[in-house]
PDB file of N, CA and C in Angstrom:
ATOM      1  N   PRO A   1       0.893  -1.169  -0.070  1.00  0.00           N
ATOM      2  CA  PRO A   1      -0.008   0.207  -0.024  1.00  0.00           C
ATOM      3  C   PRO A   1       0.683   1.395   0.087  1.00  0.00           C
ATOM      4  N   ASP A   2       2.082   1.386   0.746  1.00  0.00           N
ATOM      5  CA  ASP A   2       2.883   2.377   0.475  1.00  0.00           C
ATOM      6  C   ASP A   2       3.454   2.700  -1.072  1.00  0.00           C
ATOM      7  N   THR A   3       3.607   1.635  -1.371  1.00  0.00           N
ATOM      8  CA  THR A   3       3.890   1.896  -2.949  1.00  0.00           C
ATOM      9  C   THR A   3       2.968   2.646  -3.795  1.00  0.00           C
ATOM     10  N   LEU A   4       1.791   2.132  -3.403  1.00  0.00           N
ATOM     11  CA  LEU A   4       0.485   2.654  -4.129  1.00  0.00           C
ATOM     12  C   LEU A   4       0.536   4.135  -4.112  1.00  0.00           C
ATOM     13  N   VAL A   5       0.728   4.374  -2.368  1.00  0.00           N
ATOM     14  CA  VAL A   5       0.635   6.014  -2.088  1.00  0.00           C
ATOM     15  C   VAL A   5       1.424   6.945  -2.870  1.00  0.00           C
ATOM     16  N   SER A   6       3.018   6.414  -3.265  1.00  0.00           N
ATOM     17  CA  SER A   6       3.887   6.885  -3.506  1.00  0.00           C
ATOM     18  C   SER A   6       3.242   7.139  -5.054  1.00  0.00           C
ATOM     19  N   GLN A   7       2.984   6.178  -5.748  1.00  0.00           N
ATOM     20  CA  GLN A   7       2.453   5.682  -7.464  1.00  0.00           C
ATOM     21  C   GLN A   7       1.588   7.294  -7.843  1.00  0.00           C
ATOM     22  N   ASN A   8       0.560   7.001  -6.425  1.00  0.00           N
ATOM     23  CA  ASN A   8      -0.350   8.174  -6.577  1.00  0.00           C
ATOM     24  C   ASN A   8       0.116   9.389  -6.533  1.00  0.00           C
ATOM     25  N   ASN A   9       1.170   9.678  -5.676  1.00  0.00           N
ATOM     26  CA  ASN A   9       1.703  11.076  -5.353  1.00  0.00           C
ATOM     27  C   ASN A   9       2.526  11.464  -6.681  1.00  0.00           C
ATOM     28  N   LEU A  10       3.007  10.562  -7.204  1.00  0.00           N
ATOM     29  CA  LEU A  10       3.949  10.671  -8.561  1.00  0.00           C
ATOM     30  C   LEU A  10       2.903  11.038  -9.736  1.00  0.00           C
ATOM     31  N   ALA A  11       1.605  10.690  -9.969  1.00  0.00           N
ATOM     32  CA  ALA A  11       0.773  10.685 -10.773  1.00  0.00           C
ATOM     33  C   ALA A  11       0.131  12.519 -10.334  1.00  0.00           C
ATOM     34  N   THR A  12       0.050  12.633  -9.282  1.00  0.00           N
ATOM     35  CA  THR A  12      -0.426  13.847  -9.026  1.00  0.00           C
ATOM     36  C   THR A  12       0.403  14.798  -9.123  1.00  0.00           C
ATOM     37  N   ALA A  13       1.379  14.697  -8.823  1.00  0.00           N
ATOM     38  CA  ALA A  13       2.685  15.690  -9.348  1.00  0.00           C
ATOM     39  C   ALA A  13       2.611  15.769 -11.082  1.00  0.00           C
ATOM     40  N   LEU A  14       2.816  14.499 -11.881  1.00  0.00           N
ATOM     41  CA  LEU A  14       2.714  14.694 -13.263  1.00  0.00           C
ATOM     42  C   LEU A  14       1.517  15.688 -13.570  1.00  0.00           C
ATOM     43  N   PHE A  15       0.545  15.402 -13.016  1.00  0.00           N
ATOM     44  CA  PHE A  15      -0.945  16.262 -13.209  1.00  0.00           C
ATOM     45  C   PHE A  15      -0.825  17.616 -12.899  1.00  0.00           C
ATOM     46  N   ALA A  16      -0.268  18.061 -11.761  1.00  0.00           N
ATOM     47  CA  ALA A  16       0.094  19.351 -11.442  1.00  0.00           C
ATOM     48  C   ALA A  16       1.231  20.046 -12.601  1.00  0.00           C
ATOM     49  N   GLU A  17       2.022  19.268 -13.305  1.00  0.00           N
ATOM     50  CA  GLU A  17       3.020  19.981 -14.050  1.00  0.00           C
ATOM     51  C   GLU A  17       2.033  20.113 -15.540  1.00  0.00           C
ATOM     52  N   GLY A  18       0.638  19.662 -15.355  1.00  0.00           N
ATOM     53  CA  GLY A  18       0.428  19.834 -16.925  1.00  0.00           C
ATOM     54  C   GLY A  18       0.503  18.319 -17.735  1.00  0.00           C
ATOM     55  N   LYS A  19       1.208  17.211 -17.203  1.00  0.00           N
ATOM     56  CA  LYS A  19       1.209  16.024 -17.907  1.00  0.00           C
ATOM     57  C   LYS A  19       0.362  15.257 -17.841  1.00  0.00           C
ATOM     58  N   HIS A  20      -0.981  15.614 -18.506  1.00  0.00           N
ATOM     59  CA  HIS A  20      -2.235  15.004 -18.249  1.00  0.00           C
ATOM     60  C   HIS A  20      -2.083  13.469 -18.815  1.00  0.00           C
ATOM     61  N   ILE A  21      -1.580  13.627 -20.090  1.00  0.00           N
ATOM     62  CA  ILE A  21      -1.639  11.506 -20.589  1.00  0.00           C
ATOM     63  C   ILE A  21      -0.997  10.900 -19.653  1.00  0.00           C
ATOM     64  N   ALA A  22       0.480  11.258 -19.262  1.00  0.00           N
ATOM     65  CA  ALA A  22       1.547  10.764 -18.303  1.00  0.00           C
ATOM     66  C   ALA A  22       0.446  10.103 -17.029  1.00  0.00           C
ATOM     67  N   ALA A  23       0.029  11.374 -16.589  1.00  0.00           N
ATOM     68  CA  ALA A  23      -0.944  11.224 -15.204  1.00  0.00           C
ATOM     69  C   ALA A  23      -1.585  10.306 -15.114  1.00  0.00           C
ATOM     70  N   ALA A  24      -2.789  10.244 -16.525  1.00  0.00           N
ATOM     71  CA  ALA A  24      -3.948   9.470 -16.771  1.00  0.00           C
ATOM     72  C   ALA A  24      -3.179   8.162 -16.460  1.00  0.00           C
ATOM     73  N   ASP A  25      -2.334   8.122 -17.169  1.00  0.00           N
ATOM     74  CA  ASP A  25      -1.752   6.361 -17.169  1.00  0.00           C
ATOM     75  C   ASP A  25      -1.582   6.025 -15.963  1.00  0.00           C
ATOM     76  N   LEU A  26      -0.877   6.642 -15.218  1.00  0.00           N
ATOM     77  CA  LEU A  26      -0.474   6.542 -13.986  1.00  0.00           C
ATOM     78  C   LEU A  26      -1.436   6.063 -12.904  1.00  0.00           C
ATOM     79  N   PHE A  27      -2.460   7.098 -13.059  1.00  0.00           N
ATOM     80  CA  PHE A  27      -3.595   7.402 -12.249  1.00  0.00           C
ATOM     81  C   PHE A  27      -4.319   5.592 -12.646  1.00  0.00           C
ATOM     82  N   ALA A  28      -4.370   5.309 -13.706  1.00  0.00           N
ATOM     83  CA  ALA A  28      -5.337   4.000 -14.370  1.00  0.00           C
ATOM     84  C   ALA A  28      -4.462   2.874 -13.815  1.00  0.00           C
ATOM     85  N   ARG A  29      -3.167   2.800 -13.783  1.00  0.00           N
ATOM     86  CA  ARG A  29      -2.416   1.916 -13.322  1.00  0.00           C
ATOM     87  C   ARG A  29      -2.484   1.841 -11.512  1.00  0.00           C
ATOM     88  N   THR A  30      -2.630   3.145 -10.862  1.00  0.00           N
ATOM     89  CA  THR A  30      -2.875   2.744  -9.437  1.00  0.00           C
ATOM     90  C   THR A  30      -4.235   2.426  -9.193  1.00  0.00           C
ATOM     91  N   LEU A  31      -5.373   2.811 -10.014  1.00  0.00           N
ATOM     92  CA  LEU A  31      -6.473   2.443  -9.721  1.00  0.00           C
ATOM     93  C   LEU A  31      -6.605   1.015  -9.851  1.00  0.00           C
ATOM     94  N   SER A  32      -6.094   0.268 -10.883  1.00  0.00           N
ATOM     95  CA  SER A  32      -5.957  -1.010 -11.145  1.00  0.00           C
ATOM     96  C   SER A  32      -5.521  -1.678  -9.743  1.00  0.00           C
ATOM     97  N   ALA A  33      -4.228  -1.262  -9.499  1.00  0.00           N
ATOM     98  CA  ALA A  33      -3.297  -2.057  -8.408  1.00  0.00           C
ATOM     99  C   ALA A  33      -4.000  -1.790  -7.269  1.00  0.00           C
ATOM    100  N   ARG A  34      -4.916  -0.705  -6.771  1.00  0.00           N
ATOM    101  CA  ARG A  34      -5.579  -0.595  -5.789  1.00  0.00           C
ATOM    102  C   ARG A  34      -6.899  -1.644  -5.487  1.00  0.00           C
ATOM    103  N   ARG A  35      -7.417  -1.468  -6.858  1.00  0.00           N
ATOM    104  CA  ARG A  35      -8.773  -2.328  -6.679  1.00  0.00           C
ATOM    105  C   ARG A  35      -8.402  -3.698  -6.395  1.00  0.00           C
ATOM    106  N   ARG A  36      -6.901  -4.111  -6.938  1.00  0.00           N
ATOM    107  CA  ARG A  36      -6.898  -5.570  -7.198  1.00  0.00           C
ATOM    108  C   ARG A  36      -6.288  -5.919  -5.473  1.00  0.00           C
ATOM    109  N   ILE A  37      -5.548  -4.944  -4.776  1.00  0.00           N
ATOM    110  CA  ILE A  37      -4.953  -5.237  -3.568  1.00  0.00           C
ATOM    111  C   ILE A  37      -5.900  -4.629  -2.478  1.00  0.00           C
ATOM    112  N   LEU A  38      -6.624  -3.645  -2.792  1.00  0.00           N
ATOM    113  CA  LEU A  38      -7.488  -2.946  -1.508  1.00  0.00           C
ATOM    114  C   LEU A  38      -8.878  -3.521  -1.613  1.00  0.00           C
ATOM    115  N   GLY A  39      -9.094  -3.737  -2.886  1.00  0.00           N
ATOM    116  CA  GLY A  39     -10.705  -3.738  -3.025  1.00  0.00           C
ATOM    117  C   GLY A  39     -11.333  -2.848  -3.608  1.00  0.00           C
ATOM    118  N   PRO A  40     -12.524  -2.842  -4.267  1.00  0.00           N
ATOM    119  CA  PRO A  40     -12.779  -1.884  -5.052  1.00  0.00           C
ATOM    120  C   PRO A  40     -13.658  -1.005  -4.597  1.00  0.00           C
ATOM    121  N   THR A  41     -14.176  -1.134  -3.197  1.00  0.00           N
ATOM    122  CA  THR A  41     -14.520   0.044  -2.013  1.00  0.00           C
ATOM    123  C   THR A  41     -13.875   0.582  -1.154  1.00  0.00           C
ATOM    124  N   HIS A  42     -12.615   0.181  -1.322  1.00  0.00           N
ATOM    125  CA  HIS A  42     -11.758   0.656  -0.254  1.00  0.00           C
ATOM    126  C   HIS A  42     -11.729   2.459  -0.566  1.00  0.00           C
ATOM    127  N   PRO A  43     -11.758   3.163   0.526  1.00  0.00           N
ATOM    128  CA  PRO A  43     -11.602   4.757   0.379  1.00  0.00           C
ATOM    129  C   PRO A  43     -10.611   5.012  -0.542  1.00  0.00           C
ATOM    130  N   SER A  44      -9.200   4.484  -0.218  1.00  0.00           N
ATOM    131  CA  SER A  44      -8.257   4.758  -1.431  1.00  0.00           C
ATOM    132  C   SER A  44      -8.363   4.380  -2.637  1.00  0.00           C
ATOM    133  N   THR A  45      -8.944   3.479  -2.668  1.00  0.00           N
ATOM    134  CA  THR A  45      -9.627   2.896  -4.395  1.00  0.00           C
ATOM    135  C   THR A  45     -10.234   3.963  -4.751  1.00  0.00           C
ATOM    136  N   LEU A  46     -11.345   4.393  -4.283  1.00  0.00           N
ATOM    137  CA  LEU A  46     -12.530   5.411  -4.484  1.00  0.00           C
ATOM    138  C   LEU A  46     -11.743   6.946  -4.953  1.00  0.00           C
ATOM    139  N   GLN A  47     -10.732   7.011  -4.173  1.00  0.00           N
ATOM    140  CA  GLN A  47      -9.846   8.456  -4.092  1.00  0.00           C
ATOM    141  C   GLN A  47      -8.918   8.346  -5.645  1.00  0.00           C
ATOM    142  N   SER A  48      -8.533   7.006  -5.757  1.00  0.00           N
ATOM    143  CA  SER A  48      -7.861   6.758  -7.098  1.00  0.00           C
ATOM    144  C   SER A  48      -9.018   6.732  -8.653  1.00  0.00           C
ATOM    145  N   ALA A  49      -9.888   6.465  -8.295  1.00  0.00           N
ATOM    146  CA  ALA A  49     -10.803   6.201  -9.312  1.00  0.00           C
ATOM    147  C   ALA A  49     -11.533   8.107  -9.473  1.00  0.00           C
ATOM    148  N   ASN A  50     -11.489   8.625  -8.502  1.00  0.00           N
ATOM    149  CA  ASN A  50     -11.835  10.024  -8.599  1.00  0.00           C
ATOM    150  C   ASN A  50     -10.282  11.051  -9.292  1.00  0.00           C
ATOM    151  N   ASN A  51      -9.613  10.703  -8.848  1.00  0.00           N
ATOM    152  CA  ASN A  51      -8.289  11.181  -9.410  1.00  0.00           C
ATOM    153  C   ASN A  51      -7.923  10.658 -11.061  1.00  0.00           C
ATOM    154  N   PHE A  52      -8.481   9.332 -11.626  1.00  0.00           N
ATOM    155  CA  PHE A  52      -8.191   8.864 -12.503  1.00  0.00           C
ATOM    156  C   PHE A  52      -9.235  10.076 -13.710  1.00  0.00           C
ATOM    157  N   ALA A  53     -10.268   9.704 -13.379  1.00  0.00           N
ATOM    158  CA  ALA A  53     -11.324  10.832 -13.805  1.00  0.00           C
ATOM    159  C   ALA A  53     -10.953  12.024 -14.257  1.00  0.00           C
ATOM    160  N   GLY A  54     -10.593  12.799 -13.220  1.00  0.00           N
ATOM    161  CA  GLY A  54     -10.057  14.192 -12.915  1.00  0.00           C
ATOM    162  C   GLY A  54      -9.175  14.156 -14.324  1.00  0.00           C
ATOM    163  N   ALA A  55      -8.264  13.267 -14.198  1.00  0.00           N
ATOM    164  CA  ALA A  55      -7.250  13.364 -15.193  1.00  0.00           C
ATOM    165  C   ALA A  55      -7.854  13.108 -16.957  1.00  0.00           C
ATOM    166  N   LEU A  56      -8.951  12.459 -16.841  1.00  0.00           N
ATOM    167  CA  LEU A  56      -9.668  12.448 -18.257  1.00  0.00           C
ATOM    168  C   LEU A  56     -10.169  13.616 -18.592  1.00  0.00           C
ATOM    169  N   PHE A  57     -10.983  14.345 -17.544  1.00  0.00           N
ATOM    170  CA  PHE A  57     -11.311  15.548 -17.862  1.00  0.00           C
ATOM    171  C   PHE A  57     -10.130  16.828 -17.976  1.00  0.00           C
ATOM    172  N   ALA A  58      -9.041  16.597 -17.581  1.00  0.00           N
ATOM    173  CA  ALA A  58      -7.956  17.399 -18.226  1.00  0.00           C
ATOM    174  C   ALA A  58      -7.714  17.030 -19.475  1.00  0.00           C
ATOM    175  N   ARG A  59      -7.552  15.996 -19.845  1.00  0.00           N
ATOM    176  CA  ARG A  59      -7.530  15.656 -21.535  1.00  0.00           C
ATOM    177  C   ARG A  59      -8.665  15.969 -22.432  1.00  0.00           C
ATOM    178  N   GLU A  60      -9.395  16.589 -21.711  1.00  0.00           N
ATOM    179  CA  GLU A  60     -10.439  16.931 -22.311  1.00  0.00           C
ATOM    180  C   GLU A  60     -11.773  15.740 -23.135  1.00  0.00           C
ATOM    181  N   ASP A  61     -11.253  14.517 -22.209  1.00  0.00           N
ATOM    182  CA  ASP A  61     -12.271  13.510 -22.497  1.00  0.00           C
ATOM    183  C   ASP A  61     -13.440  13.521 -21.680  1.00  0.00           C
ATOM    184  N   TYR A  62     -14.377  14.754 -21.816  1.00  0.00           N
ATOM    185  CA  TYR A  62     -15.494  14.977 -20.936  1.00  0.00           C
ATOM    186  C   TYR A  62     -16.387  13.312 -20.792  1.00  0.00           C
ATOM    187  N   CYS A  63     -16.536  12.783 -22.066  1.00  0.00           N
ATOM    188  CA  CYS A  63     -17.510  11.610 -21.947  1.00  0.00           C
ATOM    189  C   CYS A  63     -16.925  10.839 -20.904  1.00  0.00           C
ATOM    190  N   GLY A  64     -15.671  10.247 -21.272  1.00  0.00           N
ATOM    191  CA  GLY A  64     -15.026   9.521 -20.401  1.00  0.00           C
ATOM    192  C   GLY A  64     -15.008   9.656 -19.068  1.00  0.00           C
ATOM    193  N   ALA A  65     -14.733  11.267 -18.824  1.00  0.00           N
ATOM    194  CA  ALA A  65     -14.779  11.471 -17.257  1.00  0.00           C
ATOM    195  C   ALA A  65     -15.875  11.576 -16.662  1.00  0.00           C
ATOM    196  N   ALA A  66     -16.920  12.059 -17.622  1.00  0.00           N
ATOM    197  CA  ALA A  66     -18.187  11.790 -16.624  1.00  0.00           C
ATOM    198  C   ALA A  66     -18.798  10.268 -16.110  1.00  0.00           C
ATOM    199  N   SER A  67     -18.380   9.445 -17.159  1.00  0.00           N
ATOM    200  CA  SER A  67     -18.561   7.996 -16.915  1.00  0.00           C
ATOM    201  C   SER A  67     -18.184   7.637 -16.000  1.00  0.00           C
ATOM    202  N   ALA A  68     -16.839   7.944 -15.617  1.00  0.00           N
ATOM    203  CA  ALA A  68     -15.838   7.689 -14.834  1.00  0.00           C
ATOM    204  C   ALA A  68     -16.334   8.386 -13.337  1.00  0.00           C
ATOM    205  N   TYR A  69     -16.732   9.538 -13.610  1.00  0.00           N
ATOM    206  CA  TYR A  69     -17.233  10.213 -12.137  1.00  0.00           C
ATOM    207  C   TYR A  69     -18.700   9.467 -11.948  1.00  0.00           C
ATOM    208  N   LEU A  70     -19.355   9.109 -12.777  1.00  0.00           N
ATOM    209  CA  LEU A  70     -20.359   8.656 -12.256  1.00  0.00           C
ATOM    210  C   LEU A  70     -20.691   7.262 -11.726  1.00  0.00           C
ATOM    211  N   ASP A  71     -19.515   6.186 -11.943  1.00  0.00           N
ATOM    212  CA  ASP A  71     -19.418   5.276 -11.231  1.00  0.00           C
ATOM    213  C   ASP A  71     -18.756   5.072 -10.055  1.00  0.00           C
ATOM    214  N   THR A  72     -17.832   6.169  -9.887  1.00  0.00           N
ATOM    215  CA  THR A  72     -17.067   6.655  -8.617  1.00  0.00           C
ATOM    216  C   THR A  72     -18.159   6.916  -7.906  1.00  0.00           C
ATOM    217  N   LEU A  73     -18.955   7.990  -8.172  1.00  0.00           N
ATOM    218  CA  LEU A  73     -20.082   8.280  -7.147  1.00  0.00           C
ATOM    219  C   LEU A  73     -21.024   7.375  -6.834  1.00  0.00           C
ATOM    220  N   GLY A  74     -21.463   6.828  -7.495  1.00  0.00           N
ATOM    221  CA  GLY A  74     -22.165   5.026  -7.077  1.00  0.00           C
ATOM    222  C   GLY A  74     -21.516   4.659  -5.729  1.00  0.00           C
ATOM    223  N   GLN A  75     -20.255   4.407  -6.250  1.00  0.00           N
ATOM    224  CA  GLN A  75     -19.651   3.466  -5.291  1.00  0.00           C
ATOM    225  C   GLN A  75     -19.515   4.472  -3.795  1.00  0.00           C
ATOM    226  N   GLN A  76     -18.667   5.724  -3.754  1.00  0.00           N
ATOM    227  CA  GLN A  76     -18.707   6.371  -2.790  1.00  0.00           C
ATOM    228  C   GLN A  76     -20.022   6.733  -1.868  1.00  0.00           C
ATOM    229  N   GLN A  77     -21.214   6.992  -2.993  1.00  0.00           N
ATOM    230  CA  GLN A  77     -22.269   7.014  -1.676  1.00  0.00           C
ATOM    231  C   GLN A  77     -22.989   5.626  -1.118  1.00  0.00           C
ATOM    232  N   GLU A  78     -22.789   4.836  -1.701  1.00  0.00           N
ATOM    233  CA  GLU A  78     -23.125   3.566  -1.008  1.00  0.00           C
ATOM    234  C   GLU A  78     -22.062   3.015  -0.085  1.00  0.00           C
ATOM    235  N   VAL A  79     -20.947   3.321  -0.173  1.00  0.00           N
ATOM    236  CA  VAL A  79     -19.583   3.034   0.797  1.00  0.00           C
ATOM    237  C   VAL A  79     -19.503   4.311   1.995  1.00  0.00           C
ATOM    238  N   LEU A  80     -19.687   5.487   1.438  1.00  0.00           N
ATOM    239  CA  LEU A  80     -19.367   6.586   2.660  1.00  0.00           C
ATOM    240  C   LEU A  80     -20.510   7.432   2.901  1.00  0.00           C
ATOM    241  N   GLY A  81     -21.334   6.940   1.838  1.00  0.00           N
ATOM    242  CA  GLY A  81     -23.009   7.793   2.197  1.00  0.00           C
ATOM    243  C   GLY A  81     -22.810   9.058   0.863  1.00  0.00           C
ATOM    244  N   VAL A  82     -24.103   9.293   1.072  1.00  0.00           N
ATOM    245  CA  VAL A  82     -24.599  10.376   0.112  1.00  0.00           C
ATOM    246  C   VAL A  82     -24.138  11.820   0.514  1.00  0.00           C
ATOM    247  N   ARG A  83     -23.570  12.009   1.756  1.00  0.00           N
ATOM    248  CA  ARG A  83     -23.018  13.641   2.293  1.00  0.00           C
ATOM    249  C   ARG A  83     -21.782  13.156   2.818  1.00  0.00           C
ATOM    250  N   HIS A  84     -21.103  12.734   2.341  1.00  0.00           N
ATOM    251  CA  HIS A  84     -19.876  12.736   2.452  1.00  0.00           C
ATOM    252  C   HIS A  84     -18.694  13.345   1.637  1.00  0.00           C
ATOM    253  N   PRO A  85     -18.095  14.056   2.020  1.00  0.00           N
ATOM    254  CA  PRO A  85     -17.278  15.164   1.298  1.00  0.00           C
ATOM    255  C   PRO A  85     -16.669  14.931   0.046  1.00  0.00           C
ATOM    256  N   LEU A  86     -16.471  13.843   0.094  1.00  0.00           N
ATOM    257  CA  LEU A  86     -15.627  12.566  -1.372  1.00  0.00           C
ATOM    258  C   LEU A  86     -16.799  12.694  -2.163  1.00  0.00           C
ATOM    259  N   ALA A  87     -17.786  12.032  -1.774  1.00  0.00           N
ATOM    260  CA  ALA A  87     -19.073  12.000  -2.740  1.00  0.00           C
ATOM    261  C   ALA A  87     -19.517  13.275  -3.062  1.00  0.00           C
ATOM    262  N   LEU A  88     -19.633  13.915  -2.355  1.00  0.00           N
ATOM    263  CA  LEU A  88     -20.313  15.400  -2.734  1.00  0.00           C
ATOM    264  C   LEU A  88     -18.769  16.196  -3.957  1.00  0.00           C
ATOM    265  N   HIS A  89     -17.812  15.813  -3.674  1.00  0.00           N
ATOM    266  CA  HIS A  89     -16.649  16.544  -4.279  1.00  0.00           C
ATOM    267  C   HIS A  89     -17.014  15.596  -5.732  1.00  0.00           C
ATOM    268  N   THR A  90     -17.194  14.596  -5.651  1.00  0.00           N
ATOM    269  CA  THR A  90     -17.253  13.709  -6.902  1.00  0.00           C
ATOM    270  C   THR A  90     -18.819  14.231  -7.893  1.00  0.00           C
ATOM    271  N   ALA A  91     -19.541  14.087  -7.055  1.00  0.00           N
ATOM    272  CA  ALA A  91     -20.936  14.689  -7.961  1.00  0.00           C
ATOM    273  C   ALA A  91     -20.710  16.122  -8.295  1.00  0.00           C
ATOM    274  N   ALA A  92     -19.980  17.017  -7.779  1.00  0.00           N
ATOM    275  CA  ALA A  92     -19.975  18.136  -8.740  1.00  0.00           C
ATOM    276  C   ALA A  92     -18.954  18.186  -9.605  1.00  0.00           C
ATOM    277  N   ASN A  93     -18.052  17.300  -9.755  1.00  0.00           N
ATOM    278  CA  ASN A  93     -17.182  17.086 -10.793  1.00  0.00           C
ATOM    279  C   ASN A  93     -17.737  16.255 -11.728  1.00  0.00           C
ATOM    280  N   TYR A  94     -18.922  15.346 -11.467  1.00  0.00           N
ATOM    281  CA  TYR A  94     -19.569  14.465 -12.613  1.00  0.00           C
ATOM    282  C   TYR A  94     -20.663  15.990 -13.210  1.00  0.00           C
ATOM    283  N   ALA A  95     -20.874  16.866 -12.601  1.00  0.00           N
ATOM    284  CA  ALA A  95     -21.995  17.753 -13.115  1.00  0.00           C
ATOM    285  C   ALA A  95     -21.228  18.776 -14.336  1.00  0.00           C
ATOM    286  N   THR A  96     -19.848  18.782 -13.632  1.00  0.00           N
ATOM    287  CA  THR A  96     -19.085  19.669 -14.601  1.00  0.00           C
ATOM    288  C   THR A  96     -18.723  18.854 -15.710  1.00  0.00           C
ATOM    289  N   ALA A  97     -18.467  17.770 -15.681  1.00  0.00           N
ATOM    290  CA  ALA A  97     -18.157  17.145 -16.730  1.00  0.00           C
ATOM    291  C   ALA A  97     -19.160  16.940 -17.433  1.00  0.00           C
ATOM    292  N   VAL A  98     -20.141  16.654 -17.266  1.00  0.00           N
ATOM    293  CA  VAL A  98     -21.443  16.384 -18.126  1.00  0.00           C
ATOM    294  C   VAL A  98     -21.603  17.996 -18.388  1.00  0.00           C
ATOM    295  N   ALA A  99     -21.441  18.950 -18.040  1.00  0.00           N
ATOM    296  CA  ALA A  99     -21.675  20.414 -18.406  1.00  0.00           C
ATOM    297  C   ALA A  99     -20.916  20.714 -19.603  1.00  0.00           C
ATOM    298  N   ALA A 100     -19.699  20.109 -19.715  1.00  0.00           N
ATOM    299  CA  ALA A 100     -18.516  20.395 -20.476  1.00  0.00           C
ATOM    300  C   ALA A 100     -18.693  19.587 -21.750  1.00  0.00           C
ATOM    301  N   GLN A 101     -19.699  18.784 -21.918  1.00  0.00           N
ATOM    302  CA  GLN A 101     -20.029  17.595 -22.981  1.00  0.00           C
ATOM    303  C   GLN A 101     -20.887  18.840 -23.880  1.00  0.00           C
ATOM    304  N   GLY A 102     -21.514  19.891 -23.400  1.00  0.00           N
ATOM    305  CA  GLY A 102     -21.994  20.617 -24.066  1.00  0.00           C
ATOM    306  C   GLY A 102     -23.553  20.455 -24.266  1.00  0.00           C
TER     307      GLY A 102
END
């Protein structure tokens, strides 16, 4: 799990540098590993799913981002509750992705 935290942090740094393609790739690998190791509903896995969706949005893949946000939101609401701050944040991100589609 510590390696996955470091991998996620590296993806976040790449994202902050504007390297969205590399960040999306690393977020996707981190998400896959967290799903396999921690399980699909672990809070860290859900955070990785949100990060991956954000990277898709930054690449202007609004449809892919909206789909990823919606999947993540459903899991977050089930596991964390509908009023959890992370679920509310993902709901706002989903709305933004839908609006960006036009």
